[in-house]
Amino acid sequence: MRLISERGGMGRPSRGWRRYGLAAAAVTATAVTGARAVDPDSAWYAELRKPPWQPPPWAFGVVWTPLYASIAWAAGHALGTTTTRRERTALATSLAVNLSLNAGWNWLFFARRSPAAGLAGTVLLDLSNADLLRRTGRTDRTAARVLVPYAAWCAFATALNASIARRNA
């Protein structure tokens, strides 16, 4: 059986599916790695003073699931629109750094039990989001627009983390 490639011809399966698959695998690894550090039921977390505007615990899973899906789609799409190896490598590197910082926040905040370390991590994640949006926007404006809710949620998380750090200093 032959598959139709992205360019509409017959032949080998499209490389596009591989890009999306690799992006989805990277995002899934990020989610799993980060989740391993999270324990919202721990006594330490329960005792933290939190702002009244913090979302309920169930909201985080509801929000992160589509955000992770959007990151995977945007990454696969944007990597497919790069025109040079250098541009593709820079975008892939930006994404890898971003996903590492994304997962790392959980380890800084929950595993180290340090809102201050978590705040430093989320500020770095916000800077990484700006770089990822900039690089993605250069090659694929649609993919960049898809990443905006992710960047916005991370900015909200930074404000929330800052409030928790301040209340528990």
N, C-alpha and C. Protein backbone atom coordinates (compact mmCIF):
# COMPACT_ATOMS: atom_id res chain seq x y z
N MET A 1 0.84 -1.18 0.00
CA MET A 1 0.00 0.00 0.00
C MET A 1 0.89 1.24 0.00
N ARG A 2 0.56 2.21 -0.79
CA ARG A 2 1.31 3.46 -0.85
C ARG A 2 0.52 4.56 -0.17
N LEU A 3 1.25 5.47 0.40
CA LEU A 3 0.62 6.61 1.05
C LEU A 3 0.88 7.86 0.22
N ILE A 4 -0.02 8.79 0.31
CA ILE A 4 0.14 10.06 -0.38
C ILE A 4 1.00 10.96 0.49
N SER A 5 2.04 11.51 -0.06
CA SER A 5 2.93 12.38 0.70
C SER A 5 2.31 13.76 0.87
N GLU A 6 3.01 14.60 1.64
CA GLU A 6 2.52 15.97 1.84
C GLU A 6 2.40 16.73 0.54
N ARG A 7 3.23 16.39 -0.42
CA ARG A 7 3.22 17.13 -1.68
C ARG A 7 2.21 16.57 -2.66
N GLY A 8 1.47 15.58 -2.24
CA GLY A 8 0.40 15.08 -3.08
C GLY A 8 0.79 13.94 -3.99
N GLY A 9 2.03 13.54 -3.98
CA GLY A 9 2.45 12.44 -4.84
C GLY A 9 2.37 11.12 -4.13
N MET A 10 2.59 10.05 -4.88
CA MET A 10 2.57 8.72 -4.29
C MET A 10 4.01 8.36 -3.92
N GLY A 11 4.18 7.55 -2.91
CA GLY A 11 5.53 7.13 -2.54
C GLY A 11 5.63 6.87 -1.06
N ARG A 12 6.77 7.20 -0.51
CA ARG A 12 7.02 6.95 0.90
C ARG A 12 6.14 7.83 1.77
N PRO A 13 5.90 7.37 3.00
CA PRO A 13 5.10 8.21 3.91
C PRO A 13 5.75 9.57 4.10
N SER A 14 4.95 10.55 4.28
CA SER A 14 5.40 11.92 4.43
C SER A 14 6.30 12.10 5.64
N ARG A 15 7.31 12.94 5.51
CA ARG A 15 8.16 13.27 6.65
C ARG A 15 7.40 14.13 7.65
N GLY A 16 6.32 14.75 7.20
CA GLY A 16 5.52 15.57 8.10
C GLY A 16 5.00 14.80 9.29
N TRP A 17 4.57 13.59 9.05
CA TRP A 17 4.06 12.78 10.16
C TRP A 17 5.16 12.51 11.16
N ARG A 18 6.37 12.33 10.67
CA ARG A 18 7.51 12.09 11.57
C ARG A 18 7.75 13.32 12.45
N ARG A 19 7.69 14.52 11.84
CA ARG A 19 7.87 15.76 12.61
C ARG A 19 6.84 15.87 13.71
N TYR A 20 5.58 15.64 13.34
CA TYR A 20 4.52 15.73 14.34
C TYR A 20 4.68 14.66 15.42
N GLY A 21 5.06 13.48 15.00
CA GLY A 21 5.27 12.39 15.95
C GLY A 21 6.40 12.68 16.92
N LEU A 22 7.50 13.19 16.40
CA LEU A 22 8.63 13.53 17.26
C LEU A 22 8.27 14.68 18.21
N ALA A 23 7.56 15.66 17.69
CA ALA A 23 7.13 16.77 18.54
C ALA A 23 6.19 16.27 19.64
N ALA A 24 5.26 15.41 19.28
CA ALA A 24 4.33 14.85 20.26
C ALA A 24 5.07 14.02 21.30
N ALA A 25 6.06 13.25 20.86
CA ALA A 25 6.85 12.44 21.80
C ALA A 25 7.63 13.34 22.76
N ALA A 26 8.22 14.42 22.25
CA ALA A 26 8.97 15.34 23.10
C ALA A 26 8.05 16.01 24.13
N VAL A 27 6.88 16.42 23.68
CA VAL A 27 5.94 17.07 24.59
C VAL A 27 5.42 16.08 25.61
N THR A 28 5.14 14.86 25.20
CA THR A 28 4.68 13.83 26.13
C THR A 28 5.76 13.53 27.17
N ALA A 29 7.01 13.43 26.74
CA ALA A 29 8.11 13.21 27.68
C ALA A 29 8.20 14.36 28.68
N THR A 30 7.99 15.57 28.21
CA THR A 30 7.99 16.74 29.09
C THR A 30 6.90 16.62 30.14
N ALA A 31 5.69 16.29 29.69
CA ALA A 31 4.55 16.19 30.60
C ALA A 31 4.79 15.09 31.65
N VAL A 32 5.28 13.95 31.21
CA VAL A 32 5.52 12.83 32.13
C VAL A 32 6.64 13.16 33.10
N THR A 33 7.73 13.71 32.59
CA THR A 33 8.86 14.06 33.44
C THR A 33 8.46 15.10 34.48
N GLY A 34 7.74 16.11 34.05
CA GLY A 34 7.30 17.13 34.99
C GLY A 34 6.31 16.59 36.01
N ALA A 35 5.40 15.77 35.55
CA ALA A 35 4.35 15.24 36.44
C ALA A 35 4.93 14.35 37.55
N ARG A 36 6.05 13.73 37.27
CA ARG A 36 6.67 12.85 38.27
C ARG A 36 7.08 13.60 39.53
N ALA A 37 7.31 14.89 39.42
CA ALA A 37 7.74 15.69 40.57
C ALA A 37 6.57 16.29 41.34
N VAL A 38 5.40 16.32 40.74
CA VAL A 38 4.26 17.02 41.33
C VAL A 38 3.54 16.15 42.35
N ASP A 39 3.31 16.75 43.52
CA ASP A 39 2.51 16.10 44.55
C ASP A 39 1.63 17.16 45.20
N PRO A 40 0.51 17.49 44.54
CA PRO A 40 -0.34 18.55 45.09
C PRO A 40 -1.05 18.14 46.38
N ASP A 41 -0.98 16.86 46.74
CA ASP A 41 -1.61 16.40 47.97
C ASP A 41 -0.63 16.32 49.14
N SER A 42 0.60 16.73 48.92
CA SER A 42 1.60 16.65 50.00
C SER A 42 1.26 17.64 51.11
N ALA A 43 1.70 17.31 52.29
CA ALA A 43 1.49 18.21 53.43
C ALA A 43 2.21 19.54 53.19
N TRP A 44 3.39 19.49 52.59
CA TRP A 44 4.14 20.72 52.31
C TRP A 44 3.32 21.66 51.43
N TYR A 45 2.78 21.15 50.34
CA TYR A 45 2.02 21.99 49.43
C TYR A 45 0.73 22.48 50.08
N ALA A 46 0.06 21.61 50.82
CA ALA A 46 -1.19 21.99 51.48
C ALA A 46 -0.98 23.13 52.48
N GLU A 47 0.19 23.16 53.10
CA GLU A 47 0.48 24.19 54.11
C GLU A 47 0.92 25.53 53.52
N LEU A 48 1.25 25.55 52.24
CA LEU A 48 1.65 26.82 51.63
C LEU A 48 0.49 27.80 51.62
N ARG A 49 0.81 29.06 51.88
CA ARG A 49 -0.20 30.11 51.75
C ARG A 49 -0.30 30.46 50.27
N LYS A 50 -1.50 30.38 49.74
CA LYS A 50 -1.74 30.62 48.31
C LYS A 50 -2.73 31.76 48.15
N PRO A 51 -2.66 32.45 47.03
CA PRO A 51 -3.59 33.56 46.80
C PRO A 51 -5.00 33.03 46.54
N PRO A 52 -6.00 33.84 46.83
CA PRO A 52 -7.38 33.39 46.62
C PRO A 52 -7.72 33.17 45.14
N TRP A 53 -6.91 33.72 44.25
CA TRP A 53 -7.19 33.60 42.82
C TRP A 53 -6.52 32.38 42.18
N GLN A 54 -5.91 31.53 43.02
CA GLN A 54 -5.31 30.31 42.47
C GLN A 54 -6.42 29.39 41.99
N PRO A 55 -6.28 28.84 40.77
CA PRO A 55 -7.30 27.90 40.28
C PRO A 55 -7.34 26.63 41.13
N PRO A 56 -8.45 25.93 41.11
CA PRO A 56 -8.52 24.66 41.85
C PRO A 56 -7.57 23.64 41.21
N PRO A 57 -7.12 22.66 41.98
CA PRO A 57 -6.14 21.68 41.46
C PRO A 57 -6.56 20.99 40.16
N TRP A 58 -7.83 20.68 40.01
CA TRP A 58 -8.27 19.98 38.80
C TRP A 58 -8.10 20.83 37.54
N ALA A 59 -8.08 22.15 37.69
CA ALA A 59 -7.99 23.04 36.53
C ALA A 59 -6.65 22.91 35.81
N PHE A 60 -5.60 22.56 36.54
CA PHE A 60 -4.28 22.49 35.91
C PHE A 60 -4.23 21.40 34.84
N GLY A 61 -4.79 20.24 35.13
CA GLY A 61 -4.84 19.17 34.13
C GLY A 61 -5.73 19.54 32.95
N VAL A 62 -6.82 20.21 33.24
CA VAL A 62 -7.75 20.63 32.18
C VAL A 62 -7.08 21.64 31.26
N VAL A 63 -6.25 22.51 31.80
CA VAL A 63 -5.58 23.53 31.00
C VAL A 63 -4.36 22.94 30.28
N TRP A 64 -3.54 22.18 31.00
CA TRP A 64 -2.28 21.70 30.42
C TRP A 64 -2.49 20.71 29.29
N THR A 65 -3.51 19.91 29.34
CA THR A 65 -3.70 18.91 28.27
C THR A 65 -3.82 19.56 26.89
N PRO A 66 -4.73 20.51 26.68
CA PRO A 66 -4.76 21.14 25.35
C PRO A 66 -3.54 22.01 25.06
N LEU A 67 -2.93 22.59 26.10
CA LEU A 67 -1.72 23.39 25.85
C LEU A 67 -0.60 22.50 25.33
N TYR A 68 -0.42 21.34 25.94
CA TYR A 68 0.61 20.42 25.45
C TYR A 68 0.31 19.97 24.03
N ALA A 69 -0.95 19.70 23.75
CA ALA A 69 -1.32 19.31 22.37
C ALA A 69 -1.01 20.44 21.40
N SER A 70 -1.28 21.68 21.80
CA SER A 70 -1.00 22.81 20.91
C SER A 70 0.49 23.01 20.69
N ILE A 71 1.30 22.76 21.72
CA ILE A 71 2.75 22.87 21.56
C ILE A 71 3.23 21.83 20.55
N ALA A 72 2.75 20.59 20.69
CA ALA A 72 3.16 19.53 19.76
C ALA A 72 2.76 19.87 18.33
N TRP A 73 1.53 20.32 18.14
CA TRP A 73 1.08 20.67 16.78
C TRP A 73 1.91 21.82 16.22
N ALA A 74 2.07 22.89 17.02
CA ALA A 74 2.81 24.06 16.55
C ALA A 74 4.25 23.70 16.21
N ALA A 75 4.88 22.88 17.03
CA ALA A 75 6.26 22.48 16.78
C ALA A 75 6.36 21.68 15.48
N GLY A 76 5.51 20.69 15.32
CA GLY A 76 5.54 19.89 14.10
C GLY A 76 5.28 20.73 12.87
N HIS A 77 4.33 21.64 12.97
CA HIS A 77 3.97 22.50 11.84
C HIS A 77 5.11 23.47 11.51
N ALA A 78 5.62 24.15 12.52
CA ALA A 78 6.67 25.14 12.29
C ALA A 78 7.96 24.50 11.78
N LEU A 79 8.32 23.36 12.31
CA LEU A 79 9.53 22.69 11.83
C LEU A 79 9.40 22.31 10.36
N GLY A 80 8.18 22.07 9.93
CA GLY A 80 7.96 21.74 8.52
C GLY A 80 8.00 22.94 7.60
N THR A 81 7.96 24.13 8.14
CA THR A 81 7.98 25.32 7.29
C THR A 81 9.34 26.02 7.27
N THR A 82 10.28 25.49 8.06
CA THR A 82 11.61 26.09 8.02
C THR A 82 12.22 25.85 6.64
N THR A 83 13.05 26.79 6.21
CA THR A 83 13.61 26.69 4.86
C THR A 83 15.07 26.28 4.84
N THR A 84 15.75 26.39 5.98
CA THR A 84 17.16 26.00 6.02
C THR A 84 17.41 25.09 7.21
N ARG A 85 18.46 24.31 7.11
CA ARG A 85 18.85 23.43 8.23
C ARG A 85 19.17 24.27 9.47
N ARG A 86 19.83 25.40 9.26
CA ARG A 86 20.18 26.27 10.39
C ARG A 86 18.93 26.77 11.11
N GLU A 87 17.94 27.21 10.35
CA GLU A 87 16.68 27.69 10.93
C GLU A 87 15.98 26.56 11.67
N ARG A 88 15.95 25.38 11.08
CA ARG A 88 15.30 24.21 11.71
C ARG A 88 16.01 23.83 13.00
N THR A 89 17.34 23.84 12.97
CA THR A 89 18.12 23.49 14.17
C THR A 89 17.88 24.51 15.28
N ALA A 90 17.87 25.79 14.93
CA ALA A 90 17.64 26.84 15.93
C ALA A 90 16.25 26.71 16.55
N LEU A 91 15.25 26.43 15.72
CA LEU A 91 13.89 26.28 16.23
C LEU A 91 13.78 25.03 17.10
N ALA A 92 14.37 23.94 16.67
CA ALA A 92 14.33 22.70 17.46
C ALA A 92 15.06 22.88 18.78
N THR A 93 16.17 23.61 18.77
CA THR A 93 16.91 23.87 20.00
C THR A 93 16.09 24.73 20.95
N SER A 94 15.46 25.76 20.41
CA SER A 94 14.60 26.63 21.22
C SER A 94 13.47 25.81 21.87
N LEU A 95 12.89 24.93 21.10
CA LEU A 95 11.82 24.07 21.62
C LEU A 95 12.35 23.14 22.71
N ALA A 96 13.52 22.54 22.48
CA ALA A 96 14.09 21.62 23.47
C ALA A 96 14.39 22.33 24.79
N VAL A 97 14.96 23.53 24.69
CA VAL A 97 15.23 24.32 25.90
C VAL A 97 13.92 24.63 26.61
N ASN A 98 12.92 25.04 25.84
CA ASN A 98 11.63 25.40 26.41
C ASN A 98 10.99 24.22 27.13
N LEU A 99 11.00 23.07 26.49
CA LEU A 99 10.39 21.89 27.11
C LEU A 99 11.16 21.46 28.36
N SER A 100 12.48 21.62 28.34
CA SER A 100 13.28 21.29 29.52
C SER A 100 12.93 22.22 30.69
N LEU A 101 12.80 23.50 30.39
CA LEU A 101 12.42 24.45 31.44
C LEU A 101 11.00 24.18 31.93
N ASN A 102 10.13 23.79 31.01
CA ASN A 102 8.75 23.47 31.36
C ASN A 102 8.71 22.35 32.39
N ALA A 103 9.38 21.24 32.09
CA ALA A 103 9.40 20.11 33.02
C ALA A 103 10.18 20.46 34.28
N GLY A 104 11.24 21.23 34.11
CA GLY A 104 12.09 21.57 35.24
C GLY A 104 11.40 22.37 36.32
N TRP A 105 10.42 23.19 35.94
CA TRP A 105 9.72 23.98 36.95
C TRP A 105 9.13 23.09 38.03
N ASN A 106 8.52 22.00 37.64
CA ASN A 106 7.91 21.09 38.61
C ASN A 106 8.93 20.57 39.62
N TRP A 107 10.12 20.28 39.12
CA TRP A 107 11.17 19.76 40.00
C TRP A 107 11.69 20.85 40.92
N LEU A 108 11.78 22.07 40.42
CA LEU A 108 12.23 23.17 41.26
C LEU A 108 11.21 23.50 42.35
N PHE A 109 9.95 23.59 41.97
CA PHE A 109 8.91 23.99 42.91
C PHE A 109 8.54 22.84 43.85
N PHE A 110 8.14 21.71 43.28
CA PHE A 110 7.61 20.61 44.10
C PHE A 110 8.70 19.72 44.70
N ALA A 111 9.61 19.22 43.88
CA ALA A 111 10.62 18.28 44.39
C ALA A 111 11.58 18.98 45.35
N ARG A 112 11.99 20.20 45.01
CA ARG A 112 12.87 20.96 45.92
C ARG A 112 12.08 21.66 47.02
N ARG A 113 10.76 21.67 46.85
CA ARG A 113 9.88 22.36 47.80
C ARG A 113 10.32 23.80 47.98
N SER A 114 10.49 24.46 46.84
CA SER A 114 11.03 25.82 46.87
C SER A 114 10.25 26.73 45.91
N PRO A 115 9.30 27.49 46.42
CA PRO A 115 8.63 28.47 45.57
C PRO A 115 9.60 29.47 44.95
N ALA A 116 10.67 29.83 45.65
CA ALA A 116 11.64 30.78 45.11
C ALA A 116 12.38 30.17 43.91
N ALA A 117 12.80 28.92 44.03
CA ALA A 117 13.46 28.26 42.89
C ALA A 117 12.47 28.09 41.75
N GLY A 118 11.23 27.76 42.08
CA GLY A 118 10.20 27.65 41.05
C GLY A 118 10.00 28.97 40.33
N LEU A 119 10.03 30.06 41.07
CA LEU A 119 9.87 31.37 40.45
C LEU A 119 11.01 31.66 39.48
N ALA A 120 12.22 31.35 39.88
CA ALA A 120 13.35 31.54 38.96
C ALA A 120 13.16 30.70 37.71
N GLY A 121 12.70 29.46 37.90
CA GLY A 121 12.47 28.58 36.75
C GLY A 121 11.38 29.08 35.83
N THR A 122 10.31 29.60 36.39
CA THR A 122 9.20 30.06 35.54
C THR A 122 9.54 31.37 34.83
N VAL A 123 10.38 32.20 35.44
CA VAL A 123 10.83 33.41 34.74
C VAL A 123 11.69 33.00 33.54
N LEU A 124 12.57 32.02 33.74
CA LEU A 124 13.36 31.51 32.62
C LEU A 124 12.46 30.91 31.54
N LEU A 125 11.41 30.22 31.97
CA LEU A 125 10.46 29.65 31.00
C LEU A 125 9.77 30.76 30.21
N ASP A 126 9.41 31.84 30.87
CA ASP A 126 8.78 32.96 30.16
C ASP A 126 9.74 33.55 29.11
N LEU A 127 11.01 33.69 29.47
CA LEU A 127 12.00 34.19 28.51
C LEU A 127 12.16 33.20 27.35
N SER A 128 12.13 31.93 27.67
CA SER A 128 12.22 30.91 26.63
C SER A 128 10.98 30.94 25.74
N ASN A 129 9.82 31.19 26.33
CA ASN A 129 8.60 31.31 25.52
C ASN A 129 8.70 32.46 24.54
N ALA A 130 9.26 33.57 24.98
CA ALA A 130 9.43 34.72 24.08
C ALA A 130 10.35 34.35 22.92
N ASP A 131 11.44 33.64 23.22
CA ASP A 131 12.35 33.21 22.16
C ASP A 131 11.66 32.22 21.22
N LEU A 132 10.93 31.27 21.77
CA LEU A 132 10.23 30.28 20.94
C LEU A 132 9.18 30.95 20.06
N LEU A 133 8.43 31.88 20.61
CA LEU A 133 7.44 32.61 19.81
C LEU A 133 8.11 33.41 18.69
N ARG A 134 9.21 34.05 19.01
CA ARG A 134 9.94 34.84 18.01
C ARG A 134 10.44 33.95 16.88
N ARG A 135 11.08 32.87 17.23
CA ARG A 135 11.62 31.96 16.21
C ARG A 135 10.50 31.31 15.40
N THR A 136 9.44 30.90 16.09
CA THR A 136 8.33 30.27 15.39
C THR A 136 7.65 31.27 14.48
N GLY A 137 7.46 32.49 14.95
CA GLY A 137 6.83 33.53 14.15
C GLY A 137 7.59 33.87 12.88
N ARG A 138 8.90 33.73 12.92
CA ARG A 138 9.71 33.99 11.72
C ARG A 138 9.43 32.99 10.61
N THR A 139 9.09 31.78 11.01
CA THR A 139 8.91 30.74 10.00
C THR A 139 7.45 30.38 9.77
N ASP A 140 6.59 30.56 10.79
CA ASP A 140 5.21 30.11 10.67
C ASP A 140 4.32 30.89 11.64
N ARG A 141 3.67 31.92 11.12
CA ARG A 141 2.84 32.78 11.98
C ARG A 141 1.66 32.02 12.60
N THR A 142 1.11 31.08 11.88
CA THR A 142 0.00 30.30 12.42
C THR A 142 0.45 29.50 13.63
N ALA A 143 1.58 28.83 13.52
CA ALA A 143 2.10 28.06 14.65
C ALA A 143 2.42 28.98 15.83
N ALA A 144 2.94 30.15 15.55
CA ALA A 144 3.25 31.10 16.62
C ALA A 144 1.97 31.53 17.34
N ARG A 145 0.91 31.78 16.58
CA ARG A 145 -0.38 32.16 17.21
C ARG A 145 -0.91 31.03 18.09
N VAL A 146 -0.69 29.80 17.68
CA VAL A 146 -1.15 28.65 18.46
C VAL A 146 -0.40 28.57 19.79
N LEU A 147 0.83 29.07 19.83
CA LEU A 147 1.63 29.04 21.06
C LEU A 147 1.30 30.16 22.04
N VAL A 148 0.55 31.16 21.61
CA VAL A 148 0.25 32.31 22.47
C VAL A 148 -0.48 31.90 23.76
N PRO A 149 -1.50 31.04 23.72
CA PRO A 149 -2.15 30.64 24.99
C PRO A 149 -1.18 29.96 25.96
N TYR A 150 -0.25 29.18 25.43
CA TYR A 150 0.77 28.54 26.27
C TYR A 150 1.62 29.60 26.96
N ALA A 151 2.09 30.57 26.21
CA ALA A 151 2.90 31.64 26.79
C ALA A 151 2.09 32.45 27.81
N ALA A 152 0.82 32.68 27.50
CA ALA A 152 -0.03 33.43 28.43
C ALA A 152 -0.25 32.65 29.73
N TRP A 153 -0.49 31.36 29.61
CA TRP A 153 -0.69 30.54 30.82
C TRP A 153 0.59 30.52 31.65
N CYS A 154 1.73 30.42 31.00
CA CYS A 154 3.00 30.43 31.73
C CYS A 154 3.21 31.78 32.44
N ALA A 155 2.82 32.87 31.79
CA ALA A 155 2.91 34.18 32.44
C ALA A 155 2.00 34.23 33.67
N PHE A 156 0.80 33.68 33.54
CA PHE A 156 -0.11 33.58 34.70
C PHE A 156 0.54 32.74 35.79
N ALA A 157 1.16 31.62 35.40
CA ALA A 157 1.82 30.75 36.37
C ALA A 157 2.95 31.47 37.08
N THR A 158 3.64 32.35 36.37
CA THR A 158 4.71 33.14 36.98
C THR A 158 4.14 34.07 38.05
N ALA A 159 3.03 34.72 37.73
CA ALA A 159 2.39 35.60 38.72
C ALA A 159 1.92 34.79 39.93
N LEU A 160 1.35 33.63 39.68
CA LEU A 160 0.89 32.77 40.77
C LEU A 160 2.07 32.31 41.61
N ASN A 161 3.12 31.87 40.96
CA ASN A 161 4.32 31.41 41.67
C ASN A 161 4.93 32.55 42.49
N ALA A 162 4.96 33.76 41.91
CA ALA A 162 5.51 34.92 42.62
C ALA A 162 4.68 35.22 43.87
N SER A 163 3.38 35.11 43.74
CA SER A 163 2.51 35.36 44.89
C SER A 163 2.74 34.31 45.99
N ILE A 164 2.87 33.07 45.59
CA ILE A 164 3.12 32.00 46.56
C ILE A 164 4.49 32.21 47.23
N ALA A 165 5.50 32.55 46.43
CA ALA A 165 6.84 32.77 46.99
C ALA A 165 6.81 33.92 47.98
N ARG A 166 6.14 34.99 47.63
CA ARG A 166 6.06 36.16 48.50
C ARG A 166 5.30 35.83 49.80
N ARG A 167 4.22 35.10 49.71
CA ARG A 167 3.41 34.77 50.88
C ARG A 167 4.11 33.78 51.82
N ASN A 168 5.11 33.05 51.30
CA ASN A 168 5.73 32.00 52.09
C ASN A 168 7.23 32.23 52.31
N ALA A 169 7.66 33.48 52.12
CA ALA A 169 9.09 33.81 52.31
C ALA A 169 9.45 33.83 53.79
